[in-house]
Amino acid sequence: MSPNNKKSNLKLFFIKLISITFAIIIIINTTYNLIFADKLDAFNALFNITKKENIEDIKDKIRIEIERGLNKDKILKKDDIILFKKLLLKIRKELDEVE
């Protein structure tokens, strides 16, 4: 092998290495933006609960959901009613034990 052939092989190797590196960086960046960016926005919204306007937004959403529930004929499913009844009986029993 001549020295020129070795240099061209080395040059070709580095060109391929740089191309593959850029391709991997682009793939990772695209994956991050498509998958994780939306999830991080949701987490940021959760962590910003302490701000005044976010608290007001949450209160408004809760009020809207309560109004929707009150407009329905039945709020709870039968299974949920049974669970609540058992919970209330248990709480009543514990309160009676305190007195």
N, C-alpha and C. Protein backbone atom coordinates (compact mmCIF):
# COMPACT_ATOMS: atom_id res chain seq x y z
N MET A 1 0.82 -1.19 0.00
CA MET A 1 0.00 0.00 0.00
C MET A 1 0.87 1.25 0.00
N SER A 2 0.47 2.17 -0.79
CA SER A 2 1.22 3.42 -0.89
C SER A 2 0.72 4.39 0.18
N PRO A 3 1.51 5.36 0.56
CA PRO A 3 1.09 6.35 1.56
C PRO A 3 -0.12 7.14 1.12
N ASN A 4 -0.27 7.39 -0.17
CA ASN A 4 -1.45 8.12 -0.67
C ASN A 4 -2.72 7.31 -0.48
N ASN A 5 -2.61 5.99 -0.66
CA ASN A 5 -3.76 5.11 -0.50
C ASN A 5 -4.20 5.07 0.96
N LYS A 6 -3.22 5.05 1.88
CA LYS A 6 -3.54 5.05 3.32
C LYS A 6 -4.22 6.36 3.70
N LYS A 7 -3.74 7.47 3.17
CA LYS A 7 -4.34 8.77 3.49
C LYS A 7 -5.76 8.86 2.97
N SER A 8 -5.99 8.33 1.79
CA SER A 8 -7.35 8.38 1.24
C SER A 8 -8.29 7.47 2.02
N ASN A 9 -7.77 6.30 2.46
CA ASN A 9 -8.60 5.42 3.29
C ASN A 9 -8.92 6.08 4.62
N LEU A 10 -7.94 6.73 5.23
CA LEU A 10 -8.15 7.42 6.50
C LEU A 10 -9.12 8.59 6.32
N LYS A 11 -8.97 9.31 5.23
CA LYS A 11 -9.87 10.43 4.94
C LYS A 11 -11.30 9.92 4.76
N LEU A 12 -11.46 8.83 4.04
CA LEU A 12 -12.77 8.23 3.82
C LEU A 12 -13.38 7.76 5.14
N PHE A 13 -12.53 7.18 6.00
CA PHE A 13 -12.99 6.72 7.31
C PHE A 13 -13.53 7.88 8.13
N PHE A 14 -12.81 8.99 8.19
CA PHE A 14 -13.25 10.14 8.98
C PHE A 14 -14.51 10.78 8.40
N ILE A 15 -14.64 10.79 7.10
CA ILE A 15 -15.86 11.33 6.49
C ILE A 15 -17.05 10.46 6.88
N LYS A 16 -16.89 9.14 6.84
CA LYS A 16 -17.97 8.24 7.24
C LYS A 16 -18.28 8.39 8.73
N LEU A 17 -17.23 8.51 9.54
CA LEU A 17 -17.42 8.67 10.99
C LEU A 17 -18.20 9.94 11.31
N ILE A 18 -17.84 11.04 10.68
CA ILE A 18 -18.54 12.31 10.91
C ILE A 18 -19.98 12.22 10.41
N SER A 19 -20.19 11.59 9.28
CA SER A 19 -21.55 11.46 8.74
C SER A 19 -22.43 10.63 9.68
N ILE A 20 -21.89 9.54 10.17
CA ILE A 20 -22.66 8.68 11.08
C ILE A 20 -22.94 9.41 12.38
N THR A 21 -21.96 10.17 12.88
CA THR A 21 -22.15 10.93 14.12
C THR A 21 -23.26 11.96 13.96
N PHE A 22 -23.25 12.70 12.86
CA PHE A 22 -24.31 13.68 12.61
C PHE A 22 -25.67 12.99 12.47
N ALA A 23 -25.71 11.86 11.82
CA ALA A 23 -26.97 11.14 11.66
C ALA A 23 -27.51 10.71 13.02
N ILE A 24 -26.64 10.22 13.89
CA ILE A 24 -27.08 9.80 15.23
C ILE A 24 -27.58 11.00 16.02
N ILE A 25 -26.89 12.12 15.93
CA ILE A 25 -27.33 13.33 16.65
C ILE A 25 -28.70 13.78 16.15
N ILE A 26 -28.91 13.76 14.86
CA ILE A 26 -30.21 14.16 14.30
C ILE A 26 -31.31 13.20 14.73
N ILE A 27 -31.03 11.92 14.75
CA ILE A 27 -32.04 10.93 15.18
C ILE A 27 -32.39 11.13 16.64
N ILE A 28 -31.38 11.33 17.48
CA ILE A 28 -31.65 11.53 18.92
C ILE A 28 -32.43 12.82 19.13
N ASN A 29 -32.06 13.88 18.45
CA ASN A 29 -32.76 15.16 18.59
C ASN A 29 -34.21 15.05 18.14
N THR A 30 -34.46 14.41 17.02
CA THR A 30 -35.82 14.24 16.52
C THR A 30 -36.65 13.39 17.48
N THR A 31 -36.07 12.32 17.96
CA THR A 31 -36.78 11.46 18.92
C THR A 31 -37.14 12.23 20.18
N TYR A 32 -36.20 13.00 20.67
CA TYR A 32 -36.46 13.80 21.87
C TYR A 32 -37.60 14.78 21.63
N ASN A 33 -37.56 15.48 20.53
CA ASN A 33 -38.58 16.48 20.25
C ASN A 33 -39.96 15.86 20.03
N LEU A 34 -40.02 14.72 19.38
CA LEU A 34 -41.31 14.10 19.11
C LEU A 34 -41.92 13.43 20.32
N ILE A 35 -41.10 12.81 21.14
CA ILE A 35 -41.62 11.99 22.23
C ILE A 35 -41.60 12.72 23.57
N PHE A 36 -40.45 13.27 23.92
CA PHE A 36 -40.29 13.75 25.28
C PHE A 36 -40.67 15.20 25.50
N ALA A 37 -40.66 16.02 24.48
CA ALA A 37 -40.94 17.44 24.66
C ALA A 37 -42.37 17.66 25.16
N ASP A 38 -43.34 16.94 24.62
CA ASP A 38 -44.72 17.09 25.08
C ASP A 38 -44.87 16.66 26.53
N LYS A 39 -44.19 15.60 26.88
CA LYS A 39 -44.26 15.11 28.26
C LYS A 39 -43.64 16.11 29.23
N LEU A 40 -42.55 16.74 28.81
CA LEU A 40 -41.91 17.72 29.68
C LEU A 40 -42.78 18.95 29.87
N ASP A 41 -43.55 19.32 28.87
CA ASP A 41 -44.47 20.45 29.03
C ASP A 41 -45.52 20.14 30.09
N ALA A 42 -46.00 18.90 30.11
CA ALA A 42 -46.98 18.50 31.12
C ALA A 42 -46.36 18.55 32.52
N PHE A 43 -45.12 18.09 32.64
CA PHE A 43 -44.44 18.13 33.94
C PHE A 43 -44.21 19.58 34.38
N ASN A 44 -43.85 20.43 33.46
CA ASN A 44 -43.65 21.84 33.80
C ASN A 44 -44.95 22.47 34.29
N ALA A 45 -46.05 22.10 33.69
CA ALA A 45 -47.34 22.63 34.13
C ALA A 45 -47.65 22.15 35.54
N LEU A 46 -47.31 20.92 35.85
CA LEU A 46 -47.53 20.40 37.20
C LEU A 46 -46.67 21.13 38.22
N PHE A 47 -45.43 21.41 37.87
CA PHE A 47 -44.52 22.06 38.81
C PHE A 47 -44.84 23.54 38.99
N ASN A 48 -45.61 24.12 38.09
CA ASN A 48 -45.98 25.52 38.20
C ASN A 48 -47.31 25.72 38.89
N ILE A 49 -47.73 24.75 39.68
CA ILE A 49 -49.02 24.85 40.37
C ILE A 49 -49.01 25.98 41.39
N THR A 50 -47.86 26.34 41.90
CA THR A 50 -47.79 27.36 42.94
C THR A 50 -48.08 28.76 42.43
N LYS A 51 -48.04 28.96 41.13
CA LYS A 51 -48.33 30.29 40.60
C LYS A 51 -49.82 30.60 40.72
N LYS A 52 -50.13 31.84 40.95
CA LYS A 52 -51.50 32.28 41.21
C LYS A 52 -52.45 31.95 40.06
N GLU A 53 -52.06 32.23 38.81
CA GLU A 53 -52.97 31.99 37.68
C GLU A 53 -53.20 30.49 37.47
N ASN A 54 -52.18 29.68 37.76
CA ASN A 54 -52.36 28.23 37.62
C ASN A 54 -53.32 27.69 38.68
N ILE A 55 -53.25 28.24 39.87
CA ILE A 55 -54.18 27.83 40.93
C ILE A 55 -55.60 28.18 40.53
N GLU A 56 -55.78 29.36 39.97
CA GLU A 56 -57.12 29.78 39.54
C GLU A 56 -57.63 28.90 38.41
N ASP A 57 -56.76 28.52 37.47
CA ASP A 57 -57.15 27.62 36.38
C ASP A 57 -57.61 26.27 36.92
N ILE A 58 -56.88 25.75 37.88
CA ILE A 58 -57.24 24.45 38.46
C ILE A 58 -58.57 24.55 39.20
N LYS A 59 -58.78 25.63 39.93
CA LYS A 59 -60.05 25.83 40.62
C LYS A 59 -61.21 25.88 39.62
N ASP A 60 -61.01 26.60 38.52
CA ASP A 60 -62.06 26.70 37.50
C ASP A 60 -62.36 25.34 36.88
N LYS A 61 -61.33 24.55 36.61
CA LYS A 61 -61.54 23.22 36.05
C LYS A 61 -62.30 22.33 37.02
N ILE A 62 -61.97 22.41 38.31
CA ILE A 62 -62.69 21.61 39.31
C ILE A 62 -64.15 22.03 39.38
N ARG A 63 -64.41 23.33 39.36
CA ARG A 63 -65.80 23.82 39.39
C ARG A 63 -66.60 23.33 38.18
N ILE A 64 -65.96 23.36 37.00
CA ILE A 64 -66.64 22.90 35.78
C ILE A 64 -66.98 21.42 35.90
N GLU A 65 -66.05 20.62 36.39
CA GLU A 65 -66.29 19.19 36.54
C GLU A 65 -67.38 18.90 37.57
N ILE A 66 -67.42 19.68 38.65
CA ILE A 66 -68.48 19.50 39.65
C ILE A 66 -69.84 19.83 39.04
N GLU A 67 -69.90 20.92 38.26
CA GLU A 67 -71.16 21.28 37.60
C GLU A 67 -71.61 20.20 36.63
N ARG A 68 -70.68 19.64 35.87
CA ARG A 68 -71.03 18.55 34.94
C ARG A 68 -71.57 17.35 35.71
N GLY A 69 -70.94 17.04 36.83
CA GLY A 69 -71.40 15.90 37.63
C GLY A 69 -72.78 16.13 38.23
N LEU A 70 -73.05 17.36 38.64
CA LEU A 70 -74.36 17.67 39.23
C LEU A 70 -75.47 17.64 38.18
N ASN A 71 -75.15 17.87 36.94
CA ASN A 71 -76.16 17.85 35.88
C ASN A 71 -76.54 16.43 35.46
N LYS A 72 -75.76 15.45 35.86
CA LYS A 72 -76.06 14.06 35.51
C LYS A 72 -77.11 13.50 36.46
N ASP A 73 -77.84 12.48 36.00
CA ASP A 73 -78.81 11.81 36.87
C ASP A 73 -78.10 11.04 37.98
N LYS A 74 -77.09 10.28 37.62
CA LYS A 74 -76.31 9.53 38.59
C LYS A 74 -74.85 9.92 38.43
N ILE A 75 -74.25 10.29 39.53
CA ILE A 75 -72.86 10.71 39.49
C ILE A 75 -71.93 9.50 39.56
N LEU A 76 -72.29 8.55 40.40
CA LEU A 76 -71.41 7.41 40.65
C LEU A 76 -71.95 6.13 40.04
N LYS A 77 -71.03 5.25 39.74
CA LYS A 77 -71.42 3.91 39.31
C LYS A 77 -71.74 3.08 40.54
N LYS A 78 -72.42 1.97 40.33
CA LYS A 78 -72.86 1.13 41.45
C LYS A 78 -71.67 0.62 42.27
N ASP A 79 -70.60 0.23 41.60
CA ASP A 79 -69.42 -0.25 42.32
C ASP A 79 -68.82 0.85 43.19
N ASP A 80 -68.80 2.07 42.67
CA ASP A 80 -68.26 3.20 43.44
C ASP A 80 -69.14 3.50 44.65
N ILE A 81 -70.44 3.38 44.48
CA ILE A 81 -71.36 3.62 45.59
C ILE A 81 -71.11 2.62 46.70
N ILE A 82 -70.91 1.38 46.34
CA ILE A 82 -70.64 0.34 47.35
C ILE A 82 -69.34 0.65 48.09
N LEU A 83 -68.31 1.06 47.36
CA LEU A 83 -67.04 1.41 48.01
C LEU A 83 -67.19 2.59 48.95
N PHE A 84 -67.90 3.63 48.52
CA PHE A 84 -68.11 4.79 49.38
C PHE A 84 -68.90 4.43 50.62
N LYS A 85 -69.90 3.58 50.46
CA LYS A 85 -70.70 3.17 51.62
C LYS A 85 -69.84 2.42 52.62
N LYS A 86 -69.00 1.50 52.14
CA LYS A 86 -68.10 0.78 53.05
C LYS A 86 -67.13 1.74 53.74
N LEU A 87 -66.62 2.71 52.97
CA LEU A 87 -65.71 3.69 53.55
C LEU A 87 -66.40 4.52 54.62
N LEU A 88 -67.61 4.99 54.34
CA LEU A 88 -68.34 5.78 55.32
C LEU A 88 -68.67 4.97 56.57
N LEU A 89 -69.04 3.70 56.39
CA LEU A 89 -69.32 2.86 57.56
C LEU A 89 -68.07 2.67 58.41
N LYS A 90 -66.93 2.49 57.76
CA LYS A 90 -65.68 2.33 58.50
C LYS A 90 -65.31 3.61 59.23
N ILE A 91 -65.47 4.75 58.58
CA ILE A 91 -65.18 6.04 59.23
C ILE A 91 -66.12 6.26 60.40
N ARG A 92 -67.40 5.97 60.21
CA ARG A 92 -68.38 6.13 61.29
C ARG A 92 -68.01 5.24 62.47
N LYS A 93 -67.60 4.02 62.20
CA LYS A 93 -67.20 3.08 63.26
C LYS A 93 -66.00 3.62 64.03
N GLU A 94 -65.01 4.14 63.32
CA GLU A 94 -63.82 4.70 63.99
C GLU A 94 -64.18 5.94 64.79
N LEU A 95 -65.10 6.77 64.27
CA LEU A 95 -65.51 7.96 65.02
C LEU A 95 -66.27 7.57 66.27
N ASP A 96 -67.09 6.51 66.20
CA ASP A 96 -67.81 6.06 67.37
C ASP A 96 -66.86 5.51 68.44
N GLU A 97 -65.76 4.92 68.03
CA GLU A 97 -64.78 4.39 68.97
C GLU A 97 -64.09 5.52 69.74
N VAL A 98 -63.93 6.69 69.11
CA VAL A 98 -63.26 7.82 69.75
C VAL A 98 -64.14 8.39 70.84
N GLU A 99 -65.41 8.43 70.63
CA GLU A 99 -66.32 9.03 71.62
C GLU A 99 -66.47 8.10 72.75
